[in-house]
Amino acid sequence: MQNAAVLLITSAALFLTARPPVVAADNPSLNAVQGKWVAKKTNADGQAITQSIEIAGDKLAFTLAGSDGEVRLFARGSLKTDMLGPFKVFMISGIEAGASATDTQPVGDDRVTLYTLRGEQLSLAGNFDKDRQDQPPGVDTYTRVPAPKKPSPPAEDEAAKLAGVWKLDVTLADNTRDYELRLARTDGKLGGSIISPRSGETKLKSITYLGNKLEMEMVRDIQGTEATILYTGKMEGGKLLGTVTVKGFEDQFTGTWTARK
């Protein structure tokens, strides 16, 4: 068991050496390999394992996990890049390894690992720099893990851009009419009204704004019938634009609208 533990620790160092950490200022060539990389493979015992490498600045962290997701090995170190003839190499130093990130010890064995980067795949060739017991030379290919997308600003923050007075133009058929759209946010909720120079102010029944999709409902009397007018649209280039319909009468009342502050 003790020999197996030593082998695991030294193996961690091997994986680390295959790992590219970068110093943006001092090692600009490492900029391309920043982030997380994953390789799925089968070990000598036929068990499925996952190797992951995370590169941040000039630091690297290597994790080996079993098929159950449990971490079996963790290692970290510092890295620089260089050229050996036509070959690109990672030089790993200060390597520590152990059973977890909080349980590591110095390995005392710096590594020089050849690497190639092709698209979203990073290939690392380890143990070619010198002979190591029970560690034959080999090549592992890692695939980049897409960086998480930045979350969209909360709708309530975006909704703040809607507050104010807008010049509203509504076109139905060939007829365009002008209005004033007033929007305000109170206690995190949007409210407002549409003012016609011909018939006065009508409060909006509801306003929702989510994912840059705006919906406004207004109830009006049309030819003696109460009708709900629905404005749908989005903000684009500092203005609002979209379509307007009358629920239940879409075949008779459908048009477009734009609004500018």
C-alpha atoms as a PDB file:
ATOM      1  CA  MET A   1       0.000   0.000   0.000  1.00  0.00           C
ATOM      2  CA  GLN A   2       2.820   2.393   0.839  1.00  0.00           C
ATOM      3  CA  ASN A   3       4.448   1.800  -2.547  1.00  0.00           C
ATOM      4  CA  ALA A   4       1.095   2.392  -4.227  1.00  0.00           C
ATOM      5  CA  ALA A   5       0.724   5.718  -2.413  1.00  0.00           C
ATOM      6  CA  VAL A   6       4.196   6.801  -3.489  1.00  0.00           C
ATOM      7  CA  LEU A   7       3.348   5.829  -7.050  1.00  0.00           C
ATOM      8  CA  LEU A   8       0.166   7.873  -6.952  1.00  0.00           C
ATOM      9  CA  ILE A   9       2.001  10.931  -5.698  1.00  0.00           C
ATOM     10  CA  THR A  10       4.736  10.692  -8.293  1.00  0.00           C
ATOM     11  CA  SER A  11       2.116  10.026 -10.968  1.00  0.00           C
ATOM     12  CA  ALA A  12       0.381  13.216  -9.937  1.00  0.00           C
ATOM     13  CA  ALA A  13       3.561  15.070 -10.601  1.00  0.00           C
ATOM     14  CA  LEU A  14       3.660  13.507 -14.037  1.00  0.00           C
ATOM     15  CA  PHE A  15       0.159  14.732 -14.840  1.00  0.00           C
ATOM     16  CA  LEU A  16       1.024  18.123 -13.495  1.00  0.00           C
ATOM     17  CA  THR A  17       4.007  18.375 -15.701  1.00  0.00           C
ATOM     18  CA  ALA A  18       1.690  17.788 -18.575  1.00  0.00           C
ATOM     19  CA  ARG A  19      -0.276  20.707 -17.288  1.00  0.00           C
ATOM     20  CA  PRO A  20       0.255  24.211 -18.690  1.00  0.00           C
ATOM     21  CA  PRO A  21       0.140  27.068 -16.176  1.00  0.00           C
ATOM     22  CA  VAL A  22       0.893  30.514 -17.495  1.00  0.00           C
ATOM     23  CA  VAL A  23       2.095  33.909 -16.469  1.00  0.00           C
ATOM     24  CA  ALA A  24       0.325  36.293 -18.788  1.00  0.00           C
ATOM     25  CA  ALA A  25       2.995  38.975 -18.526  1.00  0.00           C
ATOM     26  CA  ASP A  26       6.125  36.769 -18.326  1.00  0.00           C
ATOM     27  CA  ASN A  27       4.860  33.817 -20.355  1.00  0.00           C
ATOM     28  CA  PRO A  28       2.427  35.172 -22.958  1.00  0.00           C
ATOM     29  CA  SER A  29       2.536  31.853 -24.834  1.00  0.00           C
ATOM     30  CA  LEU A  30       0.528  30.329 -21.988  1.00  0.00           C
ATOM     31  CA  ASN A  31      -2.424  32.616 -22.582  1.00  0.00           C
ATOM     32  CA  ALA A  32      -3.845  30.151 -25.099  1.00  0.00           C
ATOM     33  CA  VAL A  33      -4.033  27.313 -22.567  1.00  0.00           C
ATOM     34  CA  GLN A  34      -5.611  29.102 -19.639  1.00  0.00           C
ATOM     35  CA  GLY A  35      -8.722  27.444 -18.246  1.00  0.00           C
ATOM     36  CA  LYS A  36      -9.852  23.892 -17.570  1.00  0.00           C
ATOM     37  CA  TRP A  37      -9.002  20.787 -19.598  1.00  0.00           C
ATOM     38  CA  VAL A  38     -10.357  17.247 -19.210  1.00  0.00           C
ATOM     39  CA  ALA A  39      -9.233  13.804 -20.381  1.00  0.00           C
ATOM     40  CA  LYS A  40     -11.264  10.627 -19.859  1.00  0.00           C
ATOM     41  CA  LYS A  41      -9.368   7.354 -20.023  1.00  0.00           C
ATOM     42  CA  THR A  42      -8.993   3.867 -18.564  1.00  0.00           C
ATOM     43  CA  ASN A  43      -6.215   3.079 -16.104  1.00  0.00           C
ATOM     44  CA  ALA A  44      -3.994  -0.025 -15.996  1.00  0.00           C
ATOM     45  CA  ASP A  45      -6.648  -1.848 -13.938  1.00  0.00           C
ATOM     46  CA  GLY A  46      -9.320  -1.236 -16.558  1.00  0.00           C
ATOM     47  CA  GLN A  47     -11.132   1.371 -14.459  1.00  0.00           C
ATOM     48  CA  ALA A  48     -12.575   4.555 -15.987  1.00  0.00           C
ATOM     49  CA  ILE A  49     -10.917   7.698 -14.671  1.00  0.00           C
ATOM     50  CA  THR A  50     -11.115  11.415 -15.375  1.00  0.00           C
ATOM     51  CA  GLN A  51      -8.056  13.650 -15.382  1.00  0.00           C
ATOM     52  CA  SER A  52      -8.592  17.386 -15.243  1.00  0.00           C
ATOM     53  CA  ILE A  53      -6.146  20.249 -15.416  1.00  0.00           C
ATOM     54  CA  GLU A  54      -6.871  23.840 -14.449  1.00  0.00           C
ATOM     55  CA  ILE A  55      -4.476  26.563 -15.529  1.00  0.00           C
ATOM     56  CA  ALA A  56      -4.624  29.966 -13.888  1.00  0.00           C
ATOM     57  CA  GLY A  57      -1.790  32.384 -14.490  1.00  0.00           C
ATOM     58  CA  ASP A  58       1.459  30.505 -13.868  1.00  0.00           C
ATOM     59  CA  LYS A  59      -0.190  27.975 -11.547  1.00  0.00           C
ATOM     60  CA  LEU A  60      -1.618  24.593 -12.359  1.00  0.00           C
ATOM     61  CA  ALA A  61      -3.796  22.096 -10.527  1.00  0.00           C
ATOM     62  CA  PHE A  62      -4.307  18.484 -11.528  1.00  0.00           C
ATOM     63  CA  THR A  63      -7.123  16.240 -10.319  1.00  0.00           C
ATOM     64  CA  LEU A  64      -7.642  12.545 -10.929  1.00  0.00           C
ATOM     65  CA  ALA A  65     -11.108  11.206 -10.146  1.00  0.00           C
ATOM     66  CA  GLY A  66     -12.656   7.759 -10.353  1.00  0.00           C
ATOM     67  CA  SER A  67     -15.841   6.815 -12.185  1.00  0.00           C
ATOM     68  CA  ASP A  68     -17.749   7.680  -8.991  1.00  0.00           C
ATOM     69  CA  GLY A  69     -16.479  11.251  -9.135  1.00  0.00           C
ATOM     70  CA  GLU A  70     -14.387  10.843  -5.983  1.00  0.00           C
ATOM     71  CA  VAL A  71     -10.969  12.511  -6.099  1.00  0.00           C
ATOM     72  CA  ARG A  72      -8.146   9.987  -5.986  1.00  0.00           C
ATOM     73  CA  LEU A  73      -5.247  12.337  -6.529  1.00  0.00           C
ATOM     74  CA  PHE A  74      -4.551  16.041  -6.483  1.00  0.00           C
ATOM     75  CA  ALA A  75      -1.389  17.878  -7.532  1.00  0.00           C
ATOM     76  CA  ARG A  76      -0.268  21.436  -8.161  1.00  0.00           C
ATOM     77  CA  GLY A  77       2.807  23.306  -9.282  1.00  0.00           C
ATOM     78  CA  SER A  78       4.256  26.299 -11.093  1.00  0.00           C
ATOM     79  CA  LEU A  79       4.836  26.324 -14.817  1.00  0.00           C
ATOM     80  CA  LYS A  80       6.805  28.068 -17.509  1.00  0.00           C
ATOM     81  CA  THR A  81       7.047  27.455 -21.244  1.00  0.00           C
ATOM     82  CA  ASP A  82      10.110  27.170 -23.448  1.00  0.00           C
ATOM     83  CA  MET A  83      11.315  25.769 -26.742  1.00  0.00           C
ATOM     84  CA  LEU A  84      13.632  22.769 -27.112  1.00  0.00           C
ATOM     85  CA  GLY A  85      14.582  22.880 -30.754  1.00  0.00           C
ATOM     86  CA  PRO A  86      11.291  22.639 -32.668  1.00  0.00           C
ATOM     87  CA  PHE A  87       9.383  21.388 -29.624  1.00  0.00           C
ATOM     88  CA  LYS A  88       7.267  23.376 -27.188  1.00  0.00           C
ATOM     89  CA  VAL A  89       7.673  22.322 -23.575  1.00  0.00           C
ATOM     90  CA  PHE A  90       6.103  22.930 -20.196  1.00  0.00           C
ATOM     91  CA  MET A  91       8.544  23.158 -17.314  1.00  0.00           C
ATOM     92  CA  ILE A  92       6.829  22.269 -14.039  1.00  0.00           C
ATOM     93  CA  SER A  93       8.458  23.093 -10.714  1.00  0.00           C
ATOM     94  CA  GLY A  94       7.541  23.226  -7.037  1.00  0.00           C
ATOM     95  CA  ILE A  95       5.257  20.228  -7.475  1.00  0.00           C
ATOM     96  CA  GLU A  96       3.149  19.066  -4.535  1.00  0.00           C
ATOM     97  CA  ALA A  97       0.799  16.075  -4.617  1.00  0.00           C
ATOM     98  CA  GLY A  98      -1.492  14.135  -2.355  1.00  0.00           C
ATOM     99  CA  ALA A  99      -4.957  12.725  -1.775  1.00  0.00           C
ATOM    100  CA  SER A 100      -6.643  16.150  -1.833  1.00  0.00           C
ATOM    101  CA  ALA A 101      -5.951  19.876  -2.155  1.00  0.00           C
ATOM    102  CA  THR A 102      -5.585  20.098   1.628  1.00  0.00           C
ATOM    103  CA  ASP A 103      -3.304  17.059   1.909  1.00  0.00           C
ATOM    104  CA  THR A 104      -0.224  17.489  -0.266  1.00  0.00           C
ATOM    105  CA  GLN A 105       3.513  17.122   0.131  1.00  0.00           C
ATOM    106  CA  PRO A 106       6.489  18.172  -1.995  1.00  0.00           C
ATOM    107  CA  VAL A 107       7.397  15.700  -4.721  1.00  0.00           C
ATOM    108  CA  GLY A 108      10.930  16.982  -5.292  1.00  0.00           C
ATOM    109  CA  ASP A 109      10.924  16.118  -8.990  1.00  0.00           C
ATOM    110  CA  ASP A 110      10.590  18.888 -11.574  1.00  0.00           C
ATOM    111  CA  ARG A 111       9.202  17.908 -14.961  1.00  0.00           C
ATOM    112  CA  VAL A 112       9.741  18.872 -18.580  1.00  0.00           C
ATOM    113  CA  THR A 113       6.766  17.921 -20.755  1.00  0.00           C
ATOM    114  CA  LEU A 114       6.303  18.356 -24.491  1.00  0.00           C
ATOM    115  CA  TYR A 115       2.969  19.801 -25.566  1.00  0.00           C
ATOM    116  CA  THR A 116       0.954  20.708 -28.630  1.00  0.00           C
ATOM    117  CA  LEU A 117      -2.239  22.766 -28.834  1.00  0.00           C
ATOM    118  CA  ARG A 118      -4.569  22.163 -31.761  1.00  0.00           C
ATOM    119  CA  GLY A 119      -7.891  23.915 -31.587  1.00  0.00           C
ATOM    120  CA  GLU A 120      -9.561  22.848 -28.360  1.00  0.00           C
ATOM    121  CA  GLN A 121      -7.256  19.899 -27.713  1.00  0.00           C
ATOM    122  CA  LEU A 122      -4.080  19.963 -25.666  1.00  0.00           C
ATOM    123  CA  SER A 123      -1.724  16.973 -25.987  1.00  0.00           C
ATOM    124  CA  LEU A 124       0.926  16.398 -23.325  1.00  0.00           C
ATOM    125  CA  ALA A 125       3.862  13.985 -23.578  1.00  0.00           C
ATOM    126  CA  GLY A 126       5.274  13.071 -20.163  1.00  0.00           C
ATOM    127  CA  ASN A 127       8.223  11.060 -18.832  1.00  0.00           C
ATOM    128  CA  PHE A 128      10.303  11.605 -21.924  1.00  0.00           C
ATOM    129  CA  ASP A 129      12.721  13.846 -20.000  1.00  0.00           C
ATOM    130  CA  LYS A 130      14.123  10.982 -17.870  1.00  0.00           C
ATOM    131  CA  ASP A 131      13.418   7.441 -16.695  1.00  0.00           C
ATOM    132  CA  ARG A 132      11.061   7.104 -13.730  1.00  0.00           C
ATOM    133  CA  GLN A 133      10.194   3.836 -12.035  1.00  0.00           C
ATOM    134  CA  ASP A 134       6.757   2.487 -13.009  1.00  0.00           C
ATOM    135  CA  GLN A 135       6.094   5.591 -15.134  1.00  0.00           C
ATOM    136  CA  PRO A 136       6.573   4.820 -18.840  1.00  0.00           C
ATOM    137  CA  PRO A 137       6.529   7.651 -21.354  1.00  0.00           C
ATOM    138  CA  GLY A 138       3.068   8.441 -22.626  1.00  0.00           C
ATOM    139  CA  VAL A 139       0.804  11.022 -24.273  1.00  0.00           C
ATOM    140  CA  ASP A 140      -2.530  12.284 -22.925  1.00  0.00           C
ATOM    141  CA  THR A 141      -4.901  14.488 -24.891  1.00  0.00           C
ATOM    142  CA  TYR A 142      -7.113  16.919 -22.979  1.00  0.00           C
ATOM    143  CA  THR A 143     -10.169  18.737 -24.293  1.00  0.00           C
ATOM    144  CA  ARG A 144     -10.922  22.285 -23.247  1.00  0.00           C
ATOM    145  CA  VAL A 145     -13.964  22.806 -21.049  1.00  0.00           C
ATOM    146  CA  PRO A 146     -15.920  25.839 -22.320  1.00  0.00           C
ATOM    147  CA  ALA A 147     -15.764  28.734 -19.904  1.00  0.00           C
ATOM    148  CA  PRO A 148     -19.104  29.399 -18.224  1.00  0.00           C
ATOM    149  CA  LYS A 149     -21.043  32.180 -19.833  1.00  0.00           C
ATOM    150  CA  LYS A 150     -21.384  35.344 -17.876  1.00  0.00           C
ATOM    151  CA  PRO A 151     -24.883  35.569 -16.485  1.00  0.00           C
ATOM    152  CA  SER A 152     -27.133  38.132 -18.076  1.00  0.00           C
ATOM    153  CA  PRO A 153     -27.821  41.179 -15.931  1.00  0.00           C
ATOM    154  CA  PRO A 154     -30.896  40.709 -13.784  1.00  0.00           C
ATOM    155  CA  ALA A 155     -34.055  41.795 -15.548  1.00  0.00           C
ATOM    156  CA  GLU A 156     -34.764  44.354 -12.851  1.00  0.00           C
ATOM    157  CA  ASP A 157     -31.457  46.102 -13.563  1.00  0.00           C
ATOM    158  CA  GLU A 158     -32.117  46.104 -17.279  1.00  0.00           C
ATOM    159  CA  ALA A 159     -35.640  47.329 -16.631  1.00  0.00           C
ATOM    160  CA  ALA A 160     -34.186  50.503 -15.138  1.00  0.00           C
ATOM    161  CA  LYS A 161     -33.223  51.518 -18.679  1.00  0.00           C
ATOM    162  CA  LEU A 162     -36.899  51.544 -19.624  1.00  0.00           C
ATOM    163  CA  ALA A 163     -37.878  54.160 -17.071  1.00  0.00           C
ATOM    164  CA  GLY A 164     -38.598  57.557 -18.605  1.00  0.00           C
ATOM    165  CA  VAL A 165     -40.679  59.269 -21.251  1.00  0.00           C
ATOM    166  CA  TRP A 166     -40.693  57.852 -24.766  1.00  0.00           C
ATOM    167  CA  LYS A 167     -42.052  59.198 -28.049  1.00  0.00           C
ATOM    168  CA  LEU A 168     -44.214  56.333 -29.319  1.00  0.00           C
ATOM    169  CA  ASP A 169     -45.282  55.834 -32.945  1.00  0.00           C
ATOM    170  CA  VAL A 170     -47.811  53.117 -33.784  1.00  0.00           C
ATOM    171  CA  THR A 171     -48.449  52.031 -37.367  1.00  0.00           C
ATOM    172  CA  LEU A 172     -51.594  50.094 -38.333  1.00  0.00           C
ATOM    173  CA  ALA A 173     -52.029  49.474 -42.050  1.00  0.00           C
ATOM    174  CA  ASP A 174     -50.818  52.739 -43.631  1.00  0.00           C
ATOM    175  CA  ASN A 175     -51.813  54.886 -40.680  1.00  0.00           C
ATOM    176  CA  THR A 176     -49.199  56.052 -38.149  1.00  0.00           C
ATOM    177  CA  ARG A 177     -50.225  57.754 -34.930  1.00  0.00           C
ATOM    178  CA  ASP A 178     -48.080  59.434 -32.300  1.00  0.00           C
ATOM    179  CA  TYR A 179     -48.297  58.852 -28.544  1.00  0.00           C
ATOM    180  CA  GLU A 180     -46.289  59.385 -25.394  1.00  0.00           C
ATOM    181  CA  LEU A 181     -45.151  56.314 -23.468  1.00  0.00           C
ATOM    182  CA  ARG A 182     -44.332  56.867 -19.810  1.00  0.00           C
ATOM    183  CA  LEU A 183     -42.607  54.087 -17.885  1.00  0.00           C
ATOM    184  CA  ALA A 184     -41.490  54.022 -14.268  1.00  0.00           C
ATOM    185  CA  ARG A 185     -40.197  51.438 -11.823  1.00  0.00           C
ATOM    186  CA  THR A 186     -41.505  51.384  -8.288  1.00  0.00           C
ATOM    187  CA  ASP A 187     -40.425  48.814  -5.703  1.00  0.00           C
ATOM    188  CA  GLY A 188     -38.789  46.789  -8.452  1.00  0.00           C
ATOM    189  CA  LYS A 189     -41.955  46.674 -10.585  1.00  0.00           C
ATOM    190  CA  LEU A 190     -42.591  48.401 -13.892  1.00  0.00           C
ATOM    191  CA  GLY A 191     -45.650  50.519 -14.448  1.00  0.00           C
ATOM    192  CA  GLY A 192     -46.712  53.177 -16.869  1.00  0.00           C
ATOM    193  CA  SER A 193     -49.217  54.641 -19.260  1.00  0.00           C
ATOM    194  CA  ILE A 194     -49.727  55.639 -22.868  1.00  0.00           C
ATOM    195  CA  ILE A 195     -50.912  59.167 -23.550  1.00  0.00           C
ATOM    196  CA  SER A 196     -52.750  60.019 -26.748  1.00  0.00           C
ATOM    197  CA  PRO A 197     -52.986  63.679 -27.841  1.00  0.00           C
ATOM    198  CA  ARG A 198     -56.414  62.763 -29.124  1.00  0.00           C
ATOM    199  CA  SER A 199     -58.012  60.733 -26.323  1.00  0.00           C
ATOM    200  CA  GLY A 200     -55.832  61.266 -23.257  1.00  0.00           C
ATOM    201  CA  GLU A 201     -54.029  58.904 -20.854  1.00  0.00           C
ATOM    202  CA  THR A 202     -54.578  55.158 -20.477  1.00  0.00           C
ATOM    203  CA  LYS A 203     -52.749  53.202 -17.814  1.00  0.00           C
ATOM    204  CA  LEU A 204     -50.973  50.023 -18.823  1.00  0.00           C
ATOM    205  CA  LYS A 205     -52.529  46.932 -17.247  1.00  0.00           C
ATOM    206  CA  SER A 206     -49.213  45.040 -17.044  1.00  0.00           C
ATOM    207  CA  ILE A 207     -45.585  45.339 -18.107  1.00  0.00           C
ATOM    208  CA  THR A 208     -42.990  42.556 -18.151  1.00  0.00           C
ATOM    209  CA  TYR A 209     -39.379  42.756 -19.257  1.00  0.00           C
ATOM    210  CA  LEU A 210     -37.258  39.603 -19.238  1.00  0.00           C
ATOM    211  CA  GLY A 211     -34.304  38.631 -21.393  1.00  0.00           C
ATOM    212  CA  ASN A 212     -34.708  41.836 -23.441  1.00  0.00           C
ATOM    213  CA  LYS A 213     -38.293  40.814 -24.253  1.00  0.00           C
ATOM    214  CA  LEU A 214     -40.848  43.492 -23.453  1.00  0.00           C
ATOM    215  CA  GLU A 215     -44.591  42.926 -23.173  1.00  0.00           C
ATOM    216  CA  MET A 216     -47.140  45.634 -22.329  1.00  0.00           C
ATOM    217  CA  GLU A 217     -50.890  45.175 -22.049  1.00  0.00           C
ATOM    218  CA  MET A 218     -53.456  47.955 -22.167  1.00  0.00           C
ATOM    219  CA  VAL A 219     -57.263  47.702 -22.018  1.00  0.00           C
ATOM    220  CA  ARG A 220     -59.202  50.059 -24.303  1.00  0.00           C
ATOM    221  CA  ASP A 221     -62.730  50.425 -25.575  1.00  0.00           C
ATOM    222  CA  ILE A 222     -62.803  49.738 -29.320  1.00  0.00           C
ATOM    223  CA  GLN A 223     -66.118  50.395 -31.038  1.00  0.00           C
ATOM    224  CA  GLY A 224     -68.014  49.661 -27.825  1.00  0.00           C
ATOM    225  CA  THR A 225     -66.050  46.498 -27.060  1.00  0.00           C
ATOM    226  CA  GLU A 226     -63.428  46.209 -24.313  1.00  0.00           C
ATOM    227  CA  ALA A 227     -60.236  44.975 -25.930  1.00  0.00           C
ATOM    228  CA  THR A 228     -56.761  44.168 -24.693  1.00  0.00           C
ATOM    229  CA  ILE A 229     -54.001  45.720 -26.761  1.00  0.00           C
ATOM    230  CA  LEU A 230     -50.732  43.830 -26.580  1.00  0.00           C
ATOM    231  CA  TYR A 231     -47.379  45.462 -27.303  1.00  0.00           C
ATOM    232  CA  THR A 232     -44.434  43.061 -27.700  1.00  0.00           C
ATOM    233  CA  GLY A 233     -40.918  44.105 -28.533  1.00  0.00           C
ATOM    234  CA  LYS A 234     -37.345  44.621 -27.436  1.00  0.00           C
ATOM    235  CA  MET A 235     -34.724  47.288 -26.847  1.00  0.00           C
ATOM    236  CA  GLU A 236     -32.320  47.744 -29.718  1.00  0.00           C
ATOM    237  CA  GLY A 237     -29.854  50.548 -30.326  1.00  0.00           C
ATOM    238  CA  GLY A 238     -31.346  52.681 -27.571  1.00  0.00           C
ATOM    239  CA  LYS A 239     -34.895  52.453 -28.892  1.00  0.00           C
ATOM    240  CA  LEU A 240     -37.882  50.169 -28.387  1.00  0.00           C
ATOM    241  CA  LEU A 241     -39.540  48.408 -31.286  1.00  0.00           C
ATOM    242  CA  GLY A 242     -41.918  45.551 -31.928  1.00  0.00           C
ATOM    243  CA  THR A 243     -45.437  44.567 -32.906  1.00  0.00           C
ATOM    244  CA  VAL A 244     -48.843  45.562 -31.587  1.00  0.00           C
ATOM    245  CA  THR A 245     -52.007  43.460 -31.751  1.00  0.00           C
ATOM    246  CA  VAL A 246     -55.486  43.375 -30.278  1.00  0.00           C
ATOM    247  CA  LYS A 247     -56.166  40.049 -28.582  1.00  0.00           C
ATOM    248  CA  GLY A 248     -58.940  38.214 -30.377  1.00  0.00           C
ATOM    249  CA  PHE A 249     -58.826  40.628 -33.323  1.00  0.00           C
ATOM    250  CA  GLU A 250     -55.335  39.891 -34.648  1.00  0.00           C
ATOM    251  CA  ASP A 251     -56.645  39.630 -38.217  1.00  0.00           C
ATOM    252  CA  GLN A 252     -58.021  43.171 -38.012  1.00  0.00           C
ATOM    253  CA  PHE A 253     -55.610  45.002 -35.697  1.00  0.00           C
ATOM    254  CA  THR A 254     -51.930  44.118 -36.148  1.00  0.00           C
ATOM    255  CA  GLY A 255     -49.175  46.613 -36.679  1.00  0.00           C
ATOM    256  CA  THR A 256     -45.740  47.815 -35.586  1.00  0.00           C
ATOM    257  CA  TRP A 257     -44.466  50.337 -33.064  1.00  0.00           C
ATOM    258  CA  THR A 258     -41.272  52.172 -32.200  1.00  0.00           C
ATOM    259  CA  ALA A 259     -40.366  54.386 -29.268  1.00  0.00           C
ATOM    260  CA  ARG A 260     -37.464  56.785 -28.634  1.00  0.00           C
ATOM    261  CA  LYS A 261     -36.602  58.903 -25.634  1.00  0.00           C
END
